Amino acid sequence: MPSQDWFLTAEERANPVSGIPVWTTGNLAEPLIHGAAYFDRLVDEVQALGPGDHLFFTDWRGDPDQRLRPDGPTVAQLFAQAAQRGVVVKGLIWRSHLDVLAYSEAENRDLSETVSAAGGEVLLDQRVRRGGSHHQKLVVLRHPDAPERDIAFAGGIDLCHSRRDDADHHGDPQPVQMSPCYGPTPPWHDIQLAVRGPVVGALDTLFRERWTDPMPLDSENPMAYLRDRLRGADLRPDPLPEQPADPPPCGPHRIQVLRTYPAVRPRYSFAPDGERTVARGYTKAVRRARRLIYLEDQYLWSAEVADLFAHALRDNPDLHLVAVVPRHPDVDGRLALPPNMVGREQALSLCERAAPDRVHVFDVENRSGDPVYVHAKVCVVDDVWASVGSDNFNRRSWTHDSELSCAVLDETRDQREPTDPAGQGDGARVFARDLRLRLLREHLDRDPAGADDADLLDPADAVAAVTAAADALQQWYDDGQVGERPPGRLRPHRPERLPWFTRAWALPVYRLVYDPDGRPLRARLAGTW
């Protein structure tokens, strides 16, 4: 299977200034489903670092007191102890809006100061488009003397509160404040990717490009500039150690690193016109879809993104879209809630008009009936192409904030029938199919080892099985919860229809504040990414 059939070519990436390779081969990717699994692996890998090894990370939010295991260590302890052992610890955390706006300015600053005091260097990074954020969640661990041990973690899981949940979905004992619909410890569904092989070098390059960018860290933020001067904050990144050679090949996975950077002034040195390879990568994969697009996403809003799915559904009469989303937005209130609802309502309506019987949207609950907040950002197309990242399916993630995703093509064909579900000759691939099956097993309460997979392999059968399970659970609720609760945790997603007078003000607020456009003017006018 030619990689360029699914991956972006160098020309399609449209950013020749960056040092990120077009794609890499010989990698090994492993999905870590849920924060508890990711944090546990992260502790093991960081504690194995020694003097002279590298620990680089980027994050949207970092809570220094977040416990990575029930008995610790905390994020701050893990990274600070690494720095004290002589590990080169460097980090870039989004400076964040104020805590009074339900963000994490104080938490991010505390993590920065704690790790820096131990000998690391963690900087607050405000080099974003106005109203935007750095949303990449990345940890890169390098062993210059043993490159075969190098590993990186990229995906949707921040190093912060609420993320340490597991498959039972009872929530993290250290929660963030969310809508009361999710209770005192919100159940949280998320995914991070652990990768080894040459792609670790590509992710190392991503970090180095941001670290060495000459734009001031507190760009266009005079209040932050003043506070930083008064606090004596570190605003000048120290030089990084020499970049090691890429790790040796170790697996069958081709990985393409996809990113979003907005068009900003001053320009990013590594993306003068921004970069929208996340949007371009999804666009190329979705246009190739023939049978099944399976996705899980926190937002799934934006007419531009939904239009991509709608066109694919209209052009391919056998194509189904299965989406797993949160039941409720993460915020509440008369002013915040409607803009969060109107974008999804608009996007789903657009898709359903294109193919009303082939769009299937579900939300998740735990076995106690509590809604689970879906924070995952994952997509599987025809059991061939798969992506795990920080980016949501909305215009903000595709144009305005910084984002990072890893798209994976497995060289190993899956021999389970149907071996070529799309009929394109690409053949089902082990990584993509296994990722989809692992997620569906959990959502349907199936055997985690795969003993009950027979009706989940073929796309049409999988859609029927998922729909039947969700409908049965919903019917149980509609009948007053009489009798034994049916297996499964999915229910049909039923978004509330907002009245016209609420939509009249919520829609422009949503597009301007919640889902802004970070493309250059010429791209906006042309309607391209």
Protein backbone atom coordinates (compact mmCIF):
# COMPACT_ATOMS: atom_id res chain seq x y z
CA MET A 1 0.00 0.00 0.00
CA PRO A 2 1.65 3.27 -1.08
CA SER A 3 1.88 5.60 1.93
CA GLN A 4 0.94 8.60 -0.21
CA ASP A 5 -2.52 7.11 -0.80
CA TRP A 6 -3.33 7.92 2.83
CA PHE A 7 -0.55 10.18 4.14
CA LEU A 8 0.13 13.74 3.05
CA THR A 9 2.99 14.19 0.61
CA ALA A 10 5.64 16.85 1.18
CA GLU A 11 3.77 19.15 -1.20
CA GLU A 12 0.47 18.54 0.57
CA ARG A 13 2.05 19.33 3.94
CA ALA A 14 2.78 22.80 2.51
CA ASN A 15 5.38 23.75 5.13
CA PRO A 16 8.87 23.22 3.70
CA VAL A 17 10.47 25.32 6.47
CA SER A 18 9.81 22.71 9.19
CA GLY A 19 12.29 19.94 9.92
CA ILE A 20 9.51 17.41 10.61
CA PRO A 21 9.85 14.47 8.18
CA VAL A 22 6.98 13.81 5.77
CA TRP A 23 6.44 10.49 7.58
CA THR A 24 8.58 7.84 9.29
CA THR A 25 8.69 4.04 8.99
CA GLY A 26 9.78 1.25 11.31
CA ASN A 27 7.86 2.48 14.36
CA LEU A 28 5.87 0.76 17.09
CA ALA A 29 2.71 2.51 18.29
CA GLU A 30 0.68 1.40 21.31
CA PRO A 31 -2.63 2.98 22.37
CA LEU A 32 -2.83 3.65 26.11
CA ILE A 33 -6.54 3.86 26.77
CA HIS A 34 -7.37 5.91 29.86
CA GLY A 35 -5.22 8.17 31.98
CA ALA A 36 -4.44 5.53 34.60
CA ALA A 37 -2.68 3.35 32.00
CA TYR A 38 -0.79 6.31 30.52
CA PHE A 39 0.32 7.74 33.86
CA ASP A 40 1.50 4.35 35.10
CA ARG A 41 3.65 3.84 31.99
CA LEU A 42 4.96 7.40 32.19
CA VAL A 43 6.18 6.87 35.76
CA ASP A 44 8.06 3.73 34.76
CA GLU A 45 9.74 5.37 31.78
CA VAL A 46 10.71 8.61 33.54
CA GLN A 47 12.07 6.83 36.60
CA ALA A 48 14.32 4.81 34.28
CA LEU A 49 16.01 7.99 32.96
CA GLY A 50 19.55 8.69 34.13
CA PRO A 51 22.06 11.56 34.04
CA GLY A 52 22.34 13.07 30.58
CA ASP A 53 19.06 11.63 29.31
CA HIS A 54 16.39 14.00 28.00
CA LEU A 55 12.83 14.68 29.19
CA PHE A 56 11.02 17.21 27.00
CA PHE A 57 7.31 17.93 27.32
CA THR A 58 4.56 20.28 26.16
CA ASP A 59 1.13 20.64 27.72
CA TRP A 60 -2.08 22.67 27.85
CA ARG A 61 -2.51 22.26 31.60
CA GLY A 62 -0.23 20.81 34.24
CA ASP A 63 -1.25 20.31 37.86
CA PRO A 64 1.87 19.87 40.01
CA ASP A 65 -0.02 17.89 42.67
CA GLN A 66 -1.69 15.46 40.26
CA ARG A 67 -0.93 11.94 41.45
CA LEU A 68 0.14 9.67 38.62
CA ARG A 69 -0.52 6.57 40.72
CA PRO A 70 -2.82 6.25 43.75
CA ASP A 71 0.15 6.61 46.09
CA GLY A 72 2.11 9.02 43.86
CA PRO A 73 4.41 10.37 42.67
CA THR A 74 2.86 13.63 41.59
CA VAL A 75 3.69 15.23 38.25
CA ALA A 76 5.96 17.76 39.97
CA GLN A 77 7.71 15.10 42.03
CA LEU A 78 8.34 12.85 39.02
CA PHE A 79 9.82 15.60 36.86
CA ALA A 80 11.69 17.37 39.66
CA GLN A 81 13.31 14.15 40.84
CA ALA A 82 14.39 13.45 37.26
CA ALA A 83 16.04 16.87 37.08
CA GLN A 84 17.79 16.26 40.40
CA ARG A 85 19.22 13.00 39.00
CA GLY A 86 20.83 14.94 36.15
CA VAL A 87 18.17 14.37 33.49
CA VAL A 88 17.83 17.31 31.09
CA VAL A 89 14.24 18.39 31.81
CA LYS A 90 12.70 21.01 29.53
CA GLY A 91 9.03 21.90 29.24
CA LEU A 92 6.68 24.30 27.48
CA ILE A 93 3.28 24.84 29.10
CA TRP A 94 0.62 27.19 27.81
CA ARG A 95 0.58 30.33 29.93
CA SER A 96 -3.23 29.95 30.20
CA HIS A 97 -6.05 32.36 30.84
CA LEU A 98 -6.86 33.33 34.42
CA ASP A 99 -8.18 30.79 36.94
CA VAL A 100 -11.26 32.94 37.51
CA LEU A 101 -12.23 32.02 33.93
CA ALA A 102 -11.98 28.30 34.86
CA TYR A 103 -8.51 27.91 33.36
CA SER A 104 -5.17 27.04 34.94
CA GLU A 105 -2.85 30.03 35.11
CA ALA A 106 -1.77 29.40 38.72
CA GLU A 107 -1.41 25.63 38.29
CA ASN A 108 0.72 25.93 35.17
CA ARG A 109 2.92 28.54 36.82
CA ASP A 110 3.35 26.41 39.95
CA LEU A 111 4.46 23.40 37.90
CA SER A 112 6.89 25.59 35.98
CA GLU A 113 8.45 27.04 39.13
CA THR A 114 8.60 23.72 41.02
CA VAL A 115 10.40 21.80 38.28
CA SER A 116 12.65 24.73 37.44
CA ALA A 117 13.67 25.05 41.09
CA ALA A 118 14.81 21.42 41.00
CA GLY A 119 17.14 22.05 38.06
CA GLY A 120 14.82 21.69 35.10
CA GLU A 121 13.57 24.50 32.87
CA VAL A 122 9.83 24.74 32.32
CA LEU A 123 8.59 27.86 30.54
CA LEU A 124 5.16 29.42 30.20
CA ASP A 125 4.48 29.82 26.49
CA GLN A 126 2.07 32.48 25.19
CA ARG A 127 3.21 32.40 21.56
CA VAL A 128 -0.31 31.80 20.30
CA ARG A 129 -2.96 33.56 18.27
CA ARG A 130 -5.05 35.99 20.32
CA GLY A 131 -7.63 33.98 22.25
CA GLY A 132 -5.84 30.73 21.43
CA SER A 133 -3.86 28.16 23.37
CA HIS A 134 -1.05 25.64 23.11
CA HIS A 135 -3.01 22.39 23.20
CA GLN A 136 -0.31 19.82 22.34
CA LYS A 137 0.18 17.06 24.91
CA LEU A 138 3.60 15.52 24.36
CA VAL A 139 6.37 13.86 26.39
CA VAL A 140 9.63 12.88 24.66
CA LEU A 141 12.18 10.70 26.51
CA ARG A 142 15.60 10.24 24.90
CA HIS A 143 18.56 8.07 25.95
CA PRO A 144 21.53 9.38 23.91
CA ASP A 145 23.63 6.35 24.87
CA ALA A 146 20.83 3.82 24.29
CA PRO A 147 18.52 5.14 21.52
CA GLU A 148 16.64 1.84 21.31
CA ARG A 149 15.06 2.79 24.68
CA ASP A 150 13.69 6.12 23.40
CA ILE A 151 9.93 6.59 23.71
CA ALA A 152 7.42 9.41 23.28
CA PHE A 153 3.82 9.90 24.36
CA ALA A 154 1.35 11.98 22.32
CA GLY A 155 -2.42 12.22 22.39
CA GLY A 156 -5.25 13.80 24.32
CA ILE A 157 -4.23 13.36 27.98
CA ASP A 158 -2.94 16.35 29.93
CA LEU A 159 -0.75 16.01 33.03
CA CYS A 160 -3.51 17.33 35.25
CA HIS A 161 -6.52 16.66 37.43
CA SER A 162 -9.44 14.46 36.31
CA ARG A 163 -7.36 12.46 33.83
CA ARG A 164 -6.43 9.47 36.00
CA ASP A 165 -9.47 7.29 35.29
CA ASP A 166 -9.73 3.70 34.06
CA ALA A 167 -12.15 1.43 32.19
CA ASP A 168 -14.61 1.35 35.12
CA HIS A 169 -14.98 5.13 34.81
CA HIS A 170 -15.51 6.20 38.38
CA GLY A 171 -13.40 9.32 37.82
CA ASP A 172 -10.16 10.71 39.20
CA PRO A 173 -10.14 11.37 42.97
CA GLN A 174 -8.50 14.70 42.03
CA PRO A 175 -11.18 16.24 39.80
CA VAL A 176 -11.48 19.46 37.86
CA GLN A 177 -14.64 21.51 38.23
CA MET A 178 -17.11 20.68 35.46
CA SER A 179 -20.82 20.73 34.77
CA PRO A 180 -22.76 19.23 37.71
CA CYS A 181 -24.10 16.66 35.23
CA TYR A 182 -20.84 14.74 35.67
CA GLY A 183 -20.90 14.62 39.47
CA PRO A 184 -18.12 15.36 41.97
CA THR A 185 -15.52 13.11 40.27
CA PRO A 186 -16.30 13.26 36.54
CA PRO A 187 -15.78 9.94 34.72
CA TRP A 188 -13.21 10.57 31.97
CA HIS A 189 -12.53 8.67 28.73
CA ASP A 190 -9.24 9.46 26.98
CA ILE A 191 -6.39 8.03 24.87
CA GLN A 192 -2.64 8.59 24.62
CA LEU A 193 -0.27 6.97 22.13
CA ALA A 194 3.09 5.51 23.17
CA VAL A 195 5.50 5.42 20.22
CA ARG A 196 8.98 4.04 19.66
CA GLY A 197 11.26 4.15 16.66
CA PRO A 198 12.27 6.96 14.28
CA VAL A 199 9.05 8.92 14.97
CA VAL A 200 10.52 9.81 18.38
CA GLY A 201 13.11 11.87 16.52
CA ALA A 202 10.32 13.67 14.63
CA LEU A 203 8.54 14.51 17.90
CA ASP A 204 11.85 15.64 19.39
CA THR A 205 12.18 18.00 16.41
CA LEU A 206 8.66 19.31 17.05
CA PHE A 207 9.63 20.25 20.60
CA ARG A 208 12.92 21.83 19.51
CA GLU A 209 11.20 23.95 16.87
CA ARG A 210 8.93 25.47 19.49
CA TRP A 211 11.72 25.81 22.08
CA THR A 212 14.09 27.67 19.77
CA ASP A 213 11.48 29.91 18.12
CA PRO A 214 12.73 33.49 18.61
CA MET A 215 9.26 34.97 19.23
CA PRO A 216 9.01 36.30 22.83
CA LEU A 217 7.33 33.86 25.20
CA ASP A 218 4.84 36.45 26.47
CA SER A 219 4.00 37.71 22.99
CA GLU A 220 1.26 40.37 22.88
CA ASN A 221 0.52 40.04 26.58
CA PRO A 222 1.68 43.20 28.38
CA MET A 223 0.15 42.19 31.73
CA ALA A 224 1.97 38.86 31.62
CA TYR A 225 5.17 40.68 30.65
CA LEU A 226 4.89 42.95 33.69
CA ARG A 227 4.11 40.07 36.08
CA ASP A 228 7.00 38.05 34.70
CA ARG A 229 9.43 40.93 35.22
CA LEU A 230 8.26 41.46 38.79
CA ARG A 231 8.58 37.74 39.58
CA GLY A 232 11.92 37.38 37.84
CA ALA A 233 10.48 34.70 35.57
CA ASP A 234 12.65 32.86 33.07
CA LEU A 235 11.78 34.22 29.63
CA ARG A 236 14.84 33.10 27.68
CA PRO A 237 15.08 29.40 26.87
CA ASP A 238 18.53 27.98 27.54
CA PRO A 239 20.23 26.02 24.75
CA LEU A 240 19.13 22.43 24.32
CA PRO A 241 21.62 19.57 24.21
CA GLU A 242 22.54 18.28 20.78
CA GLN A 243 19.74 16.29 19.22
CA PRO A 244 20.51 12.55 19.17
CA ALA A 245 20.16 10.53 15.98
CA ASP A 246 16.78 8.95 15.39
CA PRO A 247 16.14 5.70 17.27
CA PRO A 248 16.52 2.52 15.18
CA PRO A 249 13.49 0.90 13.49
CA CYS A 250 11.58 -1.39 15.83
CA GLY A 251 8.14 -2.11 14.38
CA PRO A 252 5.75 -2.25 11.42
CA HIS A 253 4.06 1.13 11.81
CA ARG A 254 4.40 4.10 9.50
CA ILE A 255 3.57 7.29 11.40
CA GLN A 256 2.87 10.76 10.08
CA VAL A 257 3.12 13.62 12.58
CA LEU A 258 0.29 16.10 11.96
CA ARG A 259 0.15 19.56 13.52
CA THR A 260 -1.87 22.73 13.74
CA TYR A 261 -0.27 26.14 14.10
CA PRO A 262 -2.23 29.32 13.37
CA ALA A 263 -1.15 32.18 11.17
CA VAL A 264 0.31 34.69 13.66
CA ARG A 265 2.42 37.86 13.78
CA PRO A 266 5.30 37.71 14.42
CA ARG A 267 5.45 34.52 12.37
CA TYR A 268 6.55 31.18 13.74
CA SER A 269 10.06 30.51 12.45
CA PHE A 270 9.09 26.88 11.73
CA ALA A 271 5.64 27.63 10.23
CA PRO A 272 5.63 31.13 8.69
CA ASP A 273 2.08 30.75 7.35
CA GLY A 274 0.94 28.46 10.13
CA GLU A 275 0.44 24.74 9.56
CA ARG A 276 -2.78 22.83 9.06
CA THR A 277 -1.59 19.29 8.45
CA VAL A 278 -4.13 18.00 10.99
CA ALA A 279 -6.95 19.36 8.82
CA ARG A 280 -5.28 18.25 5.59
CA GLY A 281 -4.49 14.78 6.94
CA TYR A 282 -8.05 14.15 8.08
CA THR A 283 -9.41 15.53 4.82
CA LYS A 284 -7.30 13.13 2.75
CA ALA A 285 -8.23 10.11 4.89
CA VAL A 286 -11.96 10.90 5.07
CA ARG A 287 -12.18 11.40 1.30
CA ARG A 288 -10.78 7.88 0.89
CA ALA A 289 -13.34 6.33 3.27
CA ARG A 290 -15.77 3.82 1.76
CA ARG A 291 -17.33 1.77 4.59
CA LEU A 292 -16.76 3.14 8.09
CA ILE A 293 -15.46 6.24 9.83
CA TYR A 294 -15.27 5.58 13.57
CA LEU A 295 -14.41 8.52 15.77
CA GLU A 296 -14.45 9.63 19.38
CA ASP A 297 -14.29 13.32 20.07
CA GLN A 298 -14.81 15.88 22.79
CA TYR A 299 -16.59 18.42 20.61
CA LEU A 300 -17.41 17.39 17.00
CA TRP A 301 -18.66 20.80 16.09
CA SER A 302 -17.98 23.12 13.15
CA ALA A 303 -19.85 23.28 9.87
CA GLU A 304 -16.57 23.16 7.92
CA VAL A 305 -15.57 19.84 9.51
CA ALA A 306 -19.07 18.38 9.29
CA ASP A 307 -19.23 19.32 5.62
CA LEU A 308 -16.22 17.07 4.98
CA PHE A 309 -18.11 14.11 6.48
CA ALA A 310 -21.32 15.05 4.68
CA HIS A 311 -19.60 15.05 1.29
CA ALA A 312 -18.01 11.65 2.00
CA LEU A 313 -21.39 10.21 3.03
CA ARG A 314 -23.11 11.53 -0.08
CA ASP A 315 -20.37 10.25 -2.39
CA ASN A 316 -20.21 6.75 -0.89
CA PRO A 317 -23.58 5.03 -0.36
CA ASP A 318 -22.09 2.25 1.79
CA LEU A 319 -20.24 4.59 4.16
CA HIS A 320 -21.31 4.89 7.79
CA LEU A 321 -20.20 7.45 10.37
CA VAL A 322 -20.09 6.27 13.99
CA ALA A 323 -19.27 8.99 16.53
CA VAL A 324 -18.92 8.76 20.32
CA VAL A 325 -19.23 12.12 22.06
CA PRO A 326 -19.95 13.47 25.57
CA ARG A 327 -23.58 13.49 26.65
CA HIS A 328 -23.28 17.01 28.06
CA PRO A 329 -20.83 19.88 27.52
CA ASP A 330 -18.18 20.26 30.20
CA VAL A 331 -19.53 23.69 31.17
CA ASP A 332 -22.90 24.83 32.44
CA GLY A 333 -24.71 28.13 32.82
CA ARG A 334 -27.06 30.28 30.78
CA LEU A 335 -24.25 32.09 28.94
CA ALA A 336 -21.70 29.29 28.49
CA LEU A 337 -23.96 26.33 27.72
CA PRO A 338 -25.82 27.42 24.55
CA PRO A 339 -22.69 28.23 22.48
CA ASN A 340 -21.31 24.81 23.44
CA MET A 341 -24.51 23.14 22.26
CA VAL A 342 -25.28 25.03 19.08
CA GLY A 343 -22.08 24.08 17.24
CA ARG A 344 -22.63 20.33 17.69
CA GLU A 345 -26.31 20.64 16.82
CA GLN A 346 -25.37 22.41 13.60
CA ALA A 347 -22.65 19.88 12.68
CA LEU A 348 -24.71 16.78 13.38
CA SER A 349 -27.70 18.17 11.49
CA LEU A 350 -25.52 18.74 8.45
CA CYS A 351 -24.27 15.14 8.52
CA GLU A 352 -27.69 13.65 9.16
CA ARG A 353 -29.20 15.54 6.24
CA ALA A 354 -26.56 14.00 3.98
CA ALA A 355 -27.27 10.41 5.11
CA PRO A 356 -29.94 10.17 7.81
CA ASP A 357 -29.72 6.37 8.09
CA ARG A 358 -25.91 6.21 8.07
CA VAL A 359 -24.97 8.67 10.80
CA HIS A 360 -24.85 7.08 14.27
CA VAL A 361 -23.97 9.26 17.25
CA PHE A 362 -23.71 7.90 20.79
CA ASP A 363 -22.69 9.03 24.24
CA VAL A 364 -21.24 6.93 27.05
CA GLU A 365 -22.08 6.13 30.64
CA ASN A 366 -20.49 3.88 33.26
CA ARG A 367 -22.22 0.80 34.62
CA SER A 368 -23.84 2.94 37.33
CA GLY A 369 -25.50 5.10 34.70
CA ASP A 370 -23.30 8.16 35.26
CA PRO A 371 -22.37 9.99 32.05
CA VAL A 372 -18.74 9.72 30.99
CA TYR A 373 -16.96 12.77 29.61
CA VAL A 374 -15.40 11.79 26.29
CA HIS A 375 -12.13 13.71 25.94
CA ALA A 376 -10.55 11.28 23.45
CA LYS A 377 -9.58 12.46 19.97
CA VAL A 378 -9.34 9.31 17.85
CA CYS A 379 -10.39 8.38 14.32
CA VAL A 380 -10.28 5.08 12.42
CA VAL A 381 -11.08 4.97 8.70
CA ASP A 382 -11.99 1.63 7.07
CA ASP A 383 -9.75 -0.23 9.55
CA VAL A 384 -6.73 1.09 7.62
CA TRP A 385 -5.80 4.61 8.75
CA ALA A 386 -5.96 5.64 12.40
CA SER A 387 -5.14 8.83 14.25
CA VAL A 388 -4.74 9.68 17.94
CA GLY A 389 -4.04 13.26 18.96
CA SER A 390 -4.85 16.41 20.86
CA ASP A 391 -7.03 17.89 18.13
CA ASN A 392 -10.82 17.93 18.21
CA PHE A 393 -13.05 17.84 15.15
CA ASN A 394 -13.63 21.58 15.07
CA ARG A 395 -12.31 24.65 13.34
CA ARG A 396 -10.39 25.83 16.40
CA SER A 397 -8.34 22.65 16.55
CA TRP A 398 -7.81 22.57 12.79
CA THR A 399 -6.73 26.21 12.41
CA HIS A 400 -6.39 28.25 15.60
CA ASP A 401 -4.64 26.48 18.51
CA SER A 402 -1.45 24.44 18.43
CA GLU A 403 -2.27 20.74 18.09
CA LEU A 404 -0.48 17.44 17.56
CA SER A 405 -1.73 14.15 16.15
CA CYS A 406 -0.06 10.92 15.02
CA ALA A 407 -1.60 9.12 12.05
CA VAL A 408 -0.69 5.43 11.83
CA LEU A 409 -0.58 3.00 8.90
CA ASP A 410 0.31 -0.56 9.86
CA GLU A 411 2.30 -2.62 7.34
CA THR A 412 0.71 -5.76 8.84
CA ARG A 413 -2.51 -6.90 7.18
CA ASP A 414 -5.29 -8.19 9.41
CA GLN A 415 -6.27 -11.68 8.27
CA ARG A 416 -9.68 -11.68 9.96
CA GLU A 417 -12.60 -11.42 7.54
CA PRO A 418 -13.36 -9.13 5.87
CA THR A 419 -9.70 -8.73 4.96
CA ASP A 420 -10.41 -5.74 2.70
CA PRO A 421 -13.60 -4.11 3.99
CA ALA A 422 -13.34 -1.02 1.79
CA GLY A 423 -12.67 -3.00 -1.37
CA GLN A 424 -9.87 -0.64 -2.35
CA GLY A 425 -7.10 -3.20 -2.17
CA ASP A 426 -5.57 -1.63 0.94
CA GLY A 427 -6.65 -4.45 3.22
CA ALA A 428 -7.60 -4.10 6.88
CA ARG A 429 -4.58 -3.32 9.04
CA VAL A 430 -3.93 -4.74 12.50
CA PHE A 431 -3.30 -1.47 14.37
CA ALA A 432 -6.38 0.37 13.09
CA ARG A 433 -8.75 -2.56 13.49
CA ASP A 434 -7.46 -3.49 16.94
CA LEU A 435 -7.83 0.10 18.12
CA ARG A 436 -11.46 0.24 16.98
CA LEU A 437 -12.23 -3.16 18.49
CA ARG A 438 -10.62 -2.32 21.84
CA LEU A 439 -12.77 0.78 22.14
CA LEU A 440 -15.97 -1.00 21.11
CA ARG A 441 -15.34 -3.90 23.48
CA GLU A 442 -15.29 -1.49 26.38
CA HIS A 443 -18.32 0.47 25.22
CA LEU A 444 -20.35 -2.73 24.63
CA ASP A 445 -19.15 -4.63 27.73
CA ARG A 446 -17.59 -7.31 25.52
CA ASP A 447 -14.73 -9.68 26.40
CA PRO A 448 -11.54 -7.56 26.53
CA ALA A 449 -9.59 -10.43 24.94
CA GLY A 450 -11.77 -10.36 21.83
CA ALA A 451 -13.73 -13.60 22.18
CA ASP A 452 -16.96 -11.79 21.19
CA ASP A 453 -15.64 -9.88 18.17
CA ALA A 454 -17.41 -11.85 15.42
CA ASP A 455 -20.12 -9.25 14.79
CA LEU A 456 -17.74 -6.28 15.13
CA LEU A 457 -15.31 -7.04 12.30
CA ASP A 458 -17.38 -6.17 9.24
CA PRO A 459 -18.34 -2.47 9.24
CA ALA A 460 -22.03 -3.08 8.52
CA ASP A 461 -22.24 -5.76 11.23
CA ALA A 462 -20.43 -3.50 13.70
CA VAL A 463 -22.84 -0.64 13.06
CA ALA A 464 -25.80 -2.98 13.58
CA ALA A 465 -24.34 -4.39 16.81
CA VAL A 466 -23.53 -1.00 18.28
CA THR A 467 -26.90 0.45 17.32
CA ALA A 468 -28.80 -2.53 18.74
CA ALA A 469 -26.93 -2.37 22.05
CA ALA A 470 -27.45 1.39 22.41
CA ASP A 471 -31.14 1.13 21.50
CA ALA A 472 -31.65 -1.71 24.00
CA LEU A 473 -30.11 0.31 26.80
CA GLN A 474 -32.15 3.37 25.90
CA GLN A 475 -35.33 1.28 25.79
CA TRP A 476 -34.53 -0.03 29.27
CA TYR A 477 -34.43 3.54 30.53
CA ASP A 478 -37.59 4.47 28.64
CA ASP A 479 -39.38 1.49 30.23
CA GLY A 480 -38.50 2.67 33.73
CA GLN A 481 -35.39 0.52 34.27
CA VAL A 482 -37.43 -2.62 34.84
CA GLY A 483 -35.50 -5.87 34.88
CA GLU A 484 -31.81 -6.48 34.34
CA ARG A 485 -29.81 -3.67 32.79
CA PRO A 486 -28.75 -4.62 29.24
CA PRO A 487 -25.02 -4.91 28.57
CA GLY A 488 -23.23 -1.95 27.06
CA ARG A 489 -22.58 1.66 27.97
CA LEU A 490 -23.60 3.52 24.81
CA ARG A 491 -26.88 5.37 24.38
CA PRO A 492 -28.15 7.26 21.33
CA HIS A 493 -27.02 10.86 21.59
CA ARG A 494 -30.03 13.15 21.70
CA PRO A 495 -28.87 16.78 21.61
CA GLU A 496 -31.32 19.34 22.86
CA ARG A 497 -32.77 21.60 20.17
CA LEU A 498 -32.27 25.22 21.18
CA PRO A 499 -35.07 27.74 20.59
CA TRP A 500 -34.52 30.18 17.74
CA PHE A 501 -34.00 33.20 20.01
CA THR A 502 -31.20 31.39 21.88
CA ARG A 503 -29.62 30.23 18.64
CA ALA A 504 -29.68 33.82 17.36
CA TRP A 505 -27.10 34.94 19.93
CA ALA A 506 -25.37 31.62 20.68
CA LEU A 507 -24.30 30.89 17.09
CA PRO A 508 -22.19 34.04 16.55
CA VAL A 509 -20.67 33.68 20.05
CA TYR A 510 -19.81 30.07 19.28
CA ARG A 511 -18.11 30.94 15.98
CA LEU A 512 -16.20 33.94 17.31
CA VAL A 513 -15.17 32.70 20.77
CA TYR A 514 -15.47 28.93 20.96
CA ASP A 515 -14.61 27.94 17.38
CA PRO A 516 -12.55 30.75 15.81
CA ASP A 517 -10.71 30.60 12.50
CA GLY A 518 -6.90 30.82 12.54
CA ARG A 519 -6.30 30.51 8.79
CA PRO A 520 -4.66 33.18 6.65
CA LEU A 521 -7.21 35.35 4.88
CA ARG A 522 -6.55 33.79 1.48
CA ALA A 523 -7.29 30.30 2.84
CA ARG A 524 -10.51 31.50 4.45
CA LEU A 525 -11.68 33.12 1.24
CA ALA A 526 -10.80 30.02 -0.77
CA GLY A 527 -12.43 27.69 1.76
CA THR A 528 -9.29 25.55 1.98
CA TRP A 529 -7.12 24.32 4.82
